[in-house]
Amino acid sequence: MTSNELYSGDREFRPRLTLRRQLGALFGILSTIAIVVGLTTLAVLITDVVRDGWHVISWDFLTSYPSRRPEQAGILSALVGTTYILVLVAVIAFPLGVAAALYLEEFAPKNRLTALIEINISNLAAVPSIVYGLLGLGVFVRTFMLGRSLIAGALTLSLLVLPIIIVASREALRAIPPSIREAGLALGASPWQTVRHFVLPAAFPGILTGTILALARAIGETAPLITIGALTYVAFLPGSIFDPFTVLPIQIFNWVSRPQPAFHERAAGGIIVLLVVLLCFNAAAIFLRARLQRKIRF
């Protein structure tokens, strides 16, 4: 290629480079505007909720059962039910999701069946939650005769978050350098020993991050639990995993649907409690993740 041709190509490239820089700057401005609008909207909503519901937060509100009288209504049964559901979902979905991700990423053969399973898992992560509610109603409530129980709700929400945990865990495993696997195998470790002692501990902080996001979605879901028949008025605590239950999102939905303004204030107080529970749960998971990141150094 001659110098004249190179100079001609350079002259043609420069206007495009200017256009690209302009488009990049425009995209940055639009992204900043979108972030500001989103954060401002979130701040306004949280401020409105705190202003309406802060004065109802009290020990009686936290330790009282729901009531038809707003001044006596509390969230004890819903708070306990939410805690039970979160613990059960974590116990069920976390080991299953991590085990599935380990098999698909480290041990599964690369064939058409594996590719089909991976595509289905990715698609299931975007399925609307009401579909999982209908699945839980047909399988756990009616087929296995679990009724409107804690375990039925936990299994339904576990199905909801399982694809998210699998996808996030696979991404965390994929981020581990191949040299770590090769070093373990070179030292005589079996594939399972290499994954167990080297790959999985290194990927665990990322796996916990995906689990945090999955549980954050589960704690705010209402549609699947309403579909399987979770109660909106529960004036008792569940004694076992086979007892009826309610959760904070359902209790909040019940209060918001009532015409009395006092119940709306109770709903705002329930939203504050739900946010605090979510933040505490996430803080515990983030603390564990930070400790693991300090211990694991490669």
Foldseek 3Di string as FASTA:
>chain_A
DDPVVVVVVVVVVVVVVVVVVVVVVVVVVVVVVVVVVVVVVVVVVLVVLCVLAVVLDDPQQCPAFADPDLNNGHCPQQALLLVLLLVLLCVPQLVVLLVVLCCLQQPDDPDPVSVVVLVVLVVLLPDDLLVLLVVLQVPVCPVVVLAQFQVSLSVSLSSNLNSLLNVQLNVLLVPDDVVQQVVCVVVPDDSVVSCVPPRCLSSVLSSLVSVLVSSVVSSQDDNSSVSNPQDQGDRDHDPDRSDGGHHLNSVLVVLVPDDDSSSPNSSSNSVVVSVVVSVVVVVVSVVVSVVSVVVDDD
